[in-house]
Amino acid sequence: MAELAAPTVRVHASFLAAMAEFGAEGRGTVHDATETGREMRLFSAVWTAPEGFADYVRWLIGQAREDSPRPEGYVPATNLWMTDGDEYIGRLAIRHRLTERLLLAGGHIGYDVRPSARRRGHATRMLREGLAVARGLGITSALLTCDVDNVASRTVIEHNGGVLENRHEDKWRFWVPTS
C-alpha cells in the first residue's frame, strides 16, 4: 500500500523513471519554476549513480533543518515522498514558514505526482496526510497556490478543505485548515 514518508534510496530506479516522465512533458527546463524542475536541473547529473542518489536523498531530508544550507529566499522544508514498495509515486514539500514570495505564490505546501500515476487520488491523499504533518510543525492553516488553469490541483486543494482567498496574477491562493 502507498505511504507518505521520508525520501528513500529504495526507490532509485523508479524515481529515475518518474523524472524521465516529467522530462518528457517538458519539466526541468529553465522555465520550470517548480521544485521538481529545479531539482532536475541541479541533481539529474548525479542522481543516476547510486551514491549520487544517496547524497541527494540525504540533502533533501536535511532541508528540514534550520541550519541546512539553502539558496537565498528558501526556508526549511520537510520533504516527503509517496511510495508503494519500490515504486516512486510523487513528492510533497512542507515549507515551515512563509516569505513574502511564498505568500504570493508557492505557499506552505507543494506537491507533484509522476505523470503515469495521476488521476488515481494520490495527490488528494498526499495533501491530506501532509496537512497533519504541517499541523505538527505548528502550521494551523496552510497556504496553497496553484496555476489558474490547473483544474486538477484546484480540485485536490478543495477536496482537502481549501478555501479560496483570491487570485494573484496567474495563481489561485487557498487557505487549508490543518486540523
C-alpha atoms as a PDB file:
ATOM      1  CA  MET A   1       0.000   0.000   0.000  1.00  0.00           C
ATOM      2  CA  ALA A   2       1.208   3.516  -0.796  1.00  0.00           C
ATOM      3  CA  GLU A   3       2.690   5.542   2.046  1.00  0.00           C
ATOM      4  CA  LEU A   4       3.874   9.113   2.549  1.00  0.00           C
ATOM      5  CA  ALA A   5       7.257   9.031   4.255  1.00  0.00           C
ATOM      6  CA  ALA A   6      10.781  10.418   4.199  1.00  0.00           C
ATOM      7  CA  PRO A   7      12.637  10.101   0.886  1.00  0.00           C
ATOM      8  CA  THR A   8      14.417   6.776   0.497  1.00  0.00           C
ATOM      9  CA  VAL A   9      17.096   5.280  -1.747  1.00  0.00           C
ATOM     10  CA  ARG A  10      14.902   2.165  -2.050  1.00  0.00           C
ATOM     11  CA  VAL A  11      13.003   3.753  -4.972  1.00  0.00           C
ATOM     12  CA  HIS A  12      16.056   4.815  -7.003  1.00  0.00           C
ATOM     13  CA  ALA A  13      15.131   3.061 -10.295  1.00  0.00           C
ATOM     14  CA  SER A  14      11.507   4.141 -10.118  1.00  0.00           C
ATOM     15  CA  PHE A  15      12.473   7.707  -9.208  1.00  0.00           C
ATOM     16  CA  LEU A  16      14.675   7.928 -12.311  1.00  0.00           C
ATOM     17  CA  ALA A  17      11.793   6.626 -14.435  1.00  0.00           C
ATOM     18  CA  ALA A  18       9.499   9.263 -12.891  1.00  0.00           C
ATOM     19  CA  MET A  19      11.997  12.024 -13.657  1.00  0.00           C
ATOM     20  CA  ALA A  20      12.119  10.805 -17.269  1.00  0.00           C
ATOM     21  CA  GLU A  21       8.305  11.079 -17.363  1.00  0.00           C
ATOM     22  CA  PHE A  22       8.500  14.641 -16.056  1.00  0.00           C
ATOM     23  CA  GLY A  23      11.190  15.424 -18.618  1.00  0.00           C
ATOM     24  CA  ALA A  24       9.000  14.040 -21.421  1.00  0.00           C
ATOM     25  CA  GLU A  25       6.299  16.545 -20.510  1.00  0.00           C
ATOM     26  CA  GLY A  26       8.806  19.407 -20.656  1.00  0.00           C
ATOM     27  CA  ARG A  27       9.747  19.661 -16.999  1.00  0.00           C
ATOM     28  CA  GLY A  28      13.236  20.565 -15.802  1.00  0.00           C
ATOM     29  CA  THR A  29      13.810  23.424 -18.231  1.00  0.00           C
ATOM     30  CA  VAL A  30      14.928  26.868 -17.068  1.00  0.00           C
ATOM     31  CA  HIS A  31      11.273  27.929 -17.403  1.00  0.00           C
ATOM     32  CA  ASP A  32      10.083  25.285 -14.908  1.00  0.00           C
ATOM     33  CA  ALA A  33       9.837  27.114 -11.570  1.00  0.00           C
ATOM     34  CA  THR A  34       8.661  24.047  -9.620  1.00  0.00           C
ATOM     35  CA  GLU A  35      10.838  22.289  -7.059  1.00  0.00           C
ATOM     36  CA  THR A  36      10.798  19.159  -9.202  1.00  0.00           C
ATOM     37  CA  GLY A  37      12.059  21.181 -12.165  1.00  0.00           C
ATOM     38  CA  ARG A  38      14.698  22.944 -10.080  1.00  0.00           C
ATOM     39  CA  GLU A  39      15.988  19.680  -8.650  1.00  0.00           C
ATOM     40  CA  MET A  40      16.045  18.102 -12.108  1.00  0.00           C
ATOM     41  CA  ARG A  41      18.358  20.907 -13.215  1.00  0.00           C
ATOM     42  CA  LEU A  42      20.540  20.723 -10.102  1.00  0.00           C
ATOM     43  CA  PHE A  43      20.819  16.996  -9.460  1.00  0.00           C
ATOM     44  CA  SER A  44      19.995  14.955 -12.571  1.00  0.00           C
ATOM     45  CA  ALA A  45      23.681  14.679 -13.487  1.00  0.00           C
ATOM     46  CA  VAL A  46      24.498  12.990 -10.154  1.00  0.00           C
ATOM     47  CA  TRP A  47      21.409  11.075  -9.091  1.00  0.00           C
ATOM     48  CA  THR A  48      21.775   8.378 -11.756  1.00  0.00           C
ATOM     49  CA  ALA A  49      24.641   6.832  -9.749  1.00  0.00           C
ATOM     50  CA  PRO A  50      23.567   5.106  -6.508  1.00  0.00           C
ATOM     51  CA  GLU A  51      25.986   7.157  -4.370  1.00  0.00           C
ATOM     52  CA  GLY A  52      24.848  10.401  -6.024  1.00  0.00           C
ATOM     53  CA  PHE A  53      21.224   9.483  -5.409  1.00  0.00           C
ATOM     54  CA  ALA A  54      22.001   8.668  -1.759  1.00  0.00           C
ATOM     55  CA  ASP A  55      23.644  12.104  -1.401  1.00  0.00           C
ATOM     56  CA  TYR A  56      20.564  13.734  -2.954  1.00  0.00           C
ATOM     57  CA  VAL A  57      18.217  11.876  -0.570  1.00  0.00           C
ATOM     58  CA  ARG A  58      20.322  12.955   2.447  1.00  0.00           C
ATOM     59  CA  TRP A  59      20.333  16.555   1.169  1.00  0.00           C
ATOM     60  CA  LEU A  60      16.546  16.508   0.674  1.00  0.00           C
ATOM     61  CA  ILE A  61      15.893  15.138   4.174  1.00  0.00           C
ATOM     62  CA  GLY A  62      18.340  17.667   5.618  1.00  0.00           C
ATOM     63  CA  GLN A  63      16.359  20.575   4.177  1.00  0.00           C
ATOM     64  CA  ALA A  64      14.035  20.321   7.197  1.00  0.00           C
ATOM     65  CA  ARG A  65      16.806  21.546   9.499  1.00  0.00           C
ATOM     66  CA  GLU A  66      17.011  25.268  10.174  1.00  0.00           C
ATOM     67  CA  ASP A  67      20.797  25.280   9.790  1.00  0.00           C
ATOM     68  CA  SER A  68      20.931  23.462   6.431  1.00  0.00           C
ATOM     69  CA  PRO A  69      22.464  25.446   3.588  1.00  0.00           C
ATOM     70  CA  ARG A  70      19.899  26.601   1.068  1.00  0.00           C
ATOM     71  CA  PRO A  71      19.568  29.260  -1.618  1.00  0.00           C
ATOM     72  CA  GLU A  72      18.682  32.831  -0.680  1.00  0.00           C
ATOM     73  CA  GLY A  73      14.955  33.154  -0.002  1.00  0.00           C
ATOM     74  CA  TYR A  74      14.414  29.443   0.712  1.00  0.00           C
ATOM     75  CA  VAL A  75      13.103  28.282   4.099  1.00  0.00           C
ATOM     76  CA  PRO A  76      13.364  24.952   5.907  1.00  0.00           C
ATOM     77  CA  ALA A  77      11.068  22.377   4.314  1.00  0.00           C
ATOM     78  CA  THR A  78      10.034  18.867   5.242  1.00  0.00           C
ATOM     79  CA  ASN A  79      10.111  16.726   2.101  1.00  0.00           C
ATOM     80  CA  LEU A  80       8.050  13.562   1.866  1.00  0.00           C
ATOM     81  CA  TRP A  81       7.640  11.007  -0.910  1.00  0.00           C
ATOM     82  CA  MET A  82       4.609   8.880  -1.706  1.00  0.00           C
ATOM     83  CA  THR A  83       5.869   5.395  -2.472  1.00  0.00           C
ATOM     84  CA  ASP A  84       4.355   1.959  -2.906  1.00  0.00           C
ATOM     85  CA  GLY A  85       7.038  -0.574  -2.130  1.00  0.00           C
ATOM     86  CA  ASP A  86       9.879   0.280  -4.509  1.00  0.00           C
ATOM     87  CA  GLU A  87       7.643   2.493  -6.666  1.00  0.00           C
ATOM     88  CA  TYR A  88       8.015   6.288  -6.518  1.00  0.00           C
ATOM     89  CA  ILE A  89       4.621   7.992  -6.935  1.00  0.00           C
ATOM     90  CA  GLY A  90       5.216  11.614  -6.022  1.00  0.00           C
ATOM     91  CA  ARG A  91       6.536  14.217  -3.645  1.00  0.00           C
ATOM     92  CA  LEU A  92       5.207  16.746  -1.151  1.00  0.00           C
ATOM     93  CA  ALA A  93       7.145  19.609   0.442  1.00  0.00           C
ATOM     94  CA  ILE A  94       6.002  21.469   3.535  1.00  0.00           C
ATOM     95  CA  ARG A  95       7.679  24.838   3.929  1.00  0.00           C
ATOM     96  CA  HIS A  96       7.950  25.638   7.611  1.00  0.00           C
ATOM     97  CA  ARG A  97       7.200  29.330   7.207  1.00  0.00           C
ATOM     98  CA  LEU A  98       6.243  31.824   4.534  1.00  0.00           C
ATOM     99  CA  THR A  99       8.377  34.503   2.937  1.00  0.00           C
ATOM    100  CA  GLU A 100       6.831  37.390   1.029  1.00  0.00           C
ATOM    101  CA  ARG A 101       7.437  35.457  -2.209  1.00  0.00           C
ATOM    102  CA  LEU A 102       5.823  32.267  -0.848  1.00  0.00           C
ATOM    103  CA  LEU A 103       2.878  34.280   0.438  1.00  0.00           C
ATOM    104  CA  LEU A 104       2.067  35.298  -3.132  1.00  0.00           C
ATOM    105  CA  ALA A 105       2.981  32.100  -4.977  1.00  0.00           C
ATOM    106  CA  GLY A 106       4.168  28.798  -3.582  1.00  0.00           C
ATOM    107  CA  GLY A 107       2.592  28.721  -0.151  1.00  0.00           C
ATOM    108  CA  HIS A 108       3.336  26.273   2.635  1.00  0.00           C
ATOM    109  CA  ILE A 109       2.834  23.081   0.644  1.00  0.00           C
ATOM    110  CA  GLY A 110       3.736  21.968  -2.843  1.00  0.00           C
ATOM    111  CA  TYR A 111       3.220  18.544  -4.381  1.00  0.00           C
ATOM    112  CA  ASP A 112       3.844  16.696  -7.615  1.00  0.00           C
ATOM    113  CA  VAL A 113       2.683  13.285  -8.847  1.00  0.00           C
ATOM    114  CA  ARG A 114       4.521  11.482 -11.648  1.00  0.00           C
ATOM    115  CA  PRO A 115       2.525  11.552 -14.886  1.00  0.00           C
ATOM    116  CA  SER A 116       1.858   7.780 -15.025  1.00  0.00           C
ATOM    117  CA  ALA A 117       0.339   7.843 -11.503  1.00  0.00           C
ATOM    118  CA  ARG A 118      -2.010  10.803 -11.908  1.00  0.00           C
ATOM    119  CA  ARG A 119      -5.807  10.734 -11.631  1.00  0.00           C
ATOM    120  CA  ARG A 120      -5.798   7.976  -9.009  1.00  0.00           C
ATOM    121  CA  GLY A 121      -6.280  10.088  -5.867  1.00  0.00           C
ATOM    122  CA  HIS A 122      -2.607  10.149  -4.869  1.00  0.00           C
ATOM    123  CA  ALA A 123      -2.338  13.956  -4.718  1.00  0.00           C
ATOM    124  CA  THR A 124      -5.502  14.246  -2.618  1.00  0.00           C
ATOM    125  CA  ARG A 125      -4.178  11.658  -0.174  1.00  0.00           C
ATOM    126  CA  MET A 126      -0.675  13.183  -0.120  1.00  0.00           C
ATOM    127  CA  LEU A 127      -2.096  16.587   0.748  1.00  0.00           C
ATOM    128  CA  ARG A 128      -4.443  15.162   3.402  1.00  0.00           C
ATOM    129  CA  GLU A 129      -1.579  13.356   5.117  1.00  0.00           C
ATOM    130  CA  GLY A 130       0.769  16.312   4.602  1.00  0.00           C
ATOM    131  CA  LEU A 131      -1.672  18.639   6.359  1.00  0.00           C
ATOM    132  CA  ALA A 132      -1.333  16.507   9.510  1.00  0.00           C
ATOM    133  CA  VAL A 133       2.464  16.834   9.293  1.00  0.00           C
ATOM    134  CA  ALA A 134       2.099  20.600   8.805  1.00  0.00           C
ATOM    135  CA  ARG A 135      -0.069  20.743  11.949  1.00  0.00           C
ATOM    136  CA  GLY A 136       2.753  19.006  13.825  1.00  0.00           C
ATOM    137  CA  LEU A 137       5.091  21.757  12.617  1.00  0.00           C
ATOM    138  CA  GLY A 138       2.797  24.403  14.157  1.00  0.00           C
ATOM    139  CA  ILE A 139       1.057  25.453  10.939  1.00  0.00           C
ATOM    140  CA  THR A 140      -2.634  25.863  11.776  1.00  0.00           C
ATOM    141  CA  SER A 141      -3.769  26.999   8.351  1.00  0.00           C
ATOM    142  CA  ALA A 142      -1.669  26.179   5.288  1.00  0.00           C
ATOM    143  CA  LEU A 143      -1.461  28.373   2.223  1.00  0.00           C
ATOM    144  CA  LEU A 144      -1.529  26.502  -1.073  1.00  0.00           C
ATOM    145  CA  THR A 145      -1.369  28.049  -4.513  1.00  0.00           C
ATOM    146  CA  CYS A 146      -1.955  26.640  -7.971  1.00  0.00           C
ATOM    147  CA  ASP A 147      -1.968  27.935 -11.519  1.00  0.00           C
ATOM    148  CA  VAL A 148      -5.384  29.270 -12.524  1.00  0.00           C
ATOM    149  CA  ASP A 149      -5.569  26.730 -15.345  1.00  0.00           C
ATOM    150  CA  ASN A 150      -4.634  23.732 -13.148  1.00  0.00           C
ATOM    151  CA  VAL A 151      -8.095  22.318 -12.500  1.00  0.00           C
ATOM    152  CA  ALA A 152      -6.730  19.047 -11.083  1.00  0.00           C
ATOM    153  CA  SER A 153      -4.666  20.808  -8.412  1.00  0.00           C
ATOM    154  CA  ARG A 154      -7.509  23.152  -7.537  1.00  0.00           C
ATOM    155  CA  THR A 155      -9.765  20.114  -7.068  1.00  0.00           C
ATOM    156  CA  VAL A 156      -7.177  18.431  -4.803  1.00  0.00           C
ATOM    157  CA  ILE A 157      -6.950  21.564  -2.650  1.00  0.00           C
ATOM    158  CA  GLU A 158     -10.732  21.966  -2.443  1.00  0.00           C
ATOM    159  CA  HIS A 159     -11.212  18.272  -1.561  1.00  0.00           C
ATOM    160  CA  ASN A 160      -8.925  18.908   1.413  1.00  0.00           C
ATOM    161  CA  GLY A 161     -10.988  21.863   2.674  1.00  0.00           C
ATOM    162  CA  GLY A 162      -9.199  24.639   0.814  1.00  0.00           C
ATOM    163  CA  VAL A 163     -10.972  27.996   0.850  1.00  0.00           C
ATOM    164  CA  LEU A 164     -10.166  30.340  -1.993  1.00  0.00           C
ATOM    165  CA  GLU A 165      -8.828  33.660  -0.733  1.00  0.00           C
ATOM    166  CA  ASN A 166      -8.069  35.338  -4.049  1.00  0.00           C
ATOM    167  CA  ARG A 167      -6.210  35.304  -7.310  1.00  0.00           C
ATOM    168  CA  HIS A 168      -2.739  36.824  -7.528  1.00  0.00           C
ATOM    169  CA  GLU A 169      -1.612  37.166 -11.135  1.00  0.00           C
ATOM    170  CA  ASP A 170      -1.771  33.619 -12.593  1.00  0.00           C
ATOM    171  CA  LYS A 171      -2.202  31.819  -9.217  1.00  0.00           C
ATOM    172  CA  TRP A 172      -5.203  30.900  -7.088  1.00  0.00           C
ATOM    173  CA  ARG A 173      -4.454  31.260  -3.359  1.00  0.00           C
ATOM    174  CA  PHE A 174      -6.200  28.906  -0.917  1.00  0.00           C
ATOM    175  CA  TRP A 175      -6.053  28.509   2.849  1.00  0.00           C
ATOM    176  CA  VAL A 176      -6.492  24.966   4.137  1.00  0.00           C
ATOM    177  CA  PRO A 177      -7.021  24.143   7.820  1.00  0.00           C
ATOM    178  CA  THR A 178      -4.593  21.559   9.169  1.00  0.00           C
ATOM    179  CA  SER A 179      -6.949  20.212  11.832  1.00  0.00           C
END
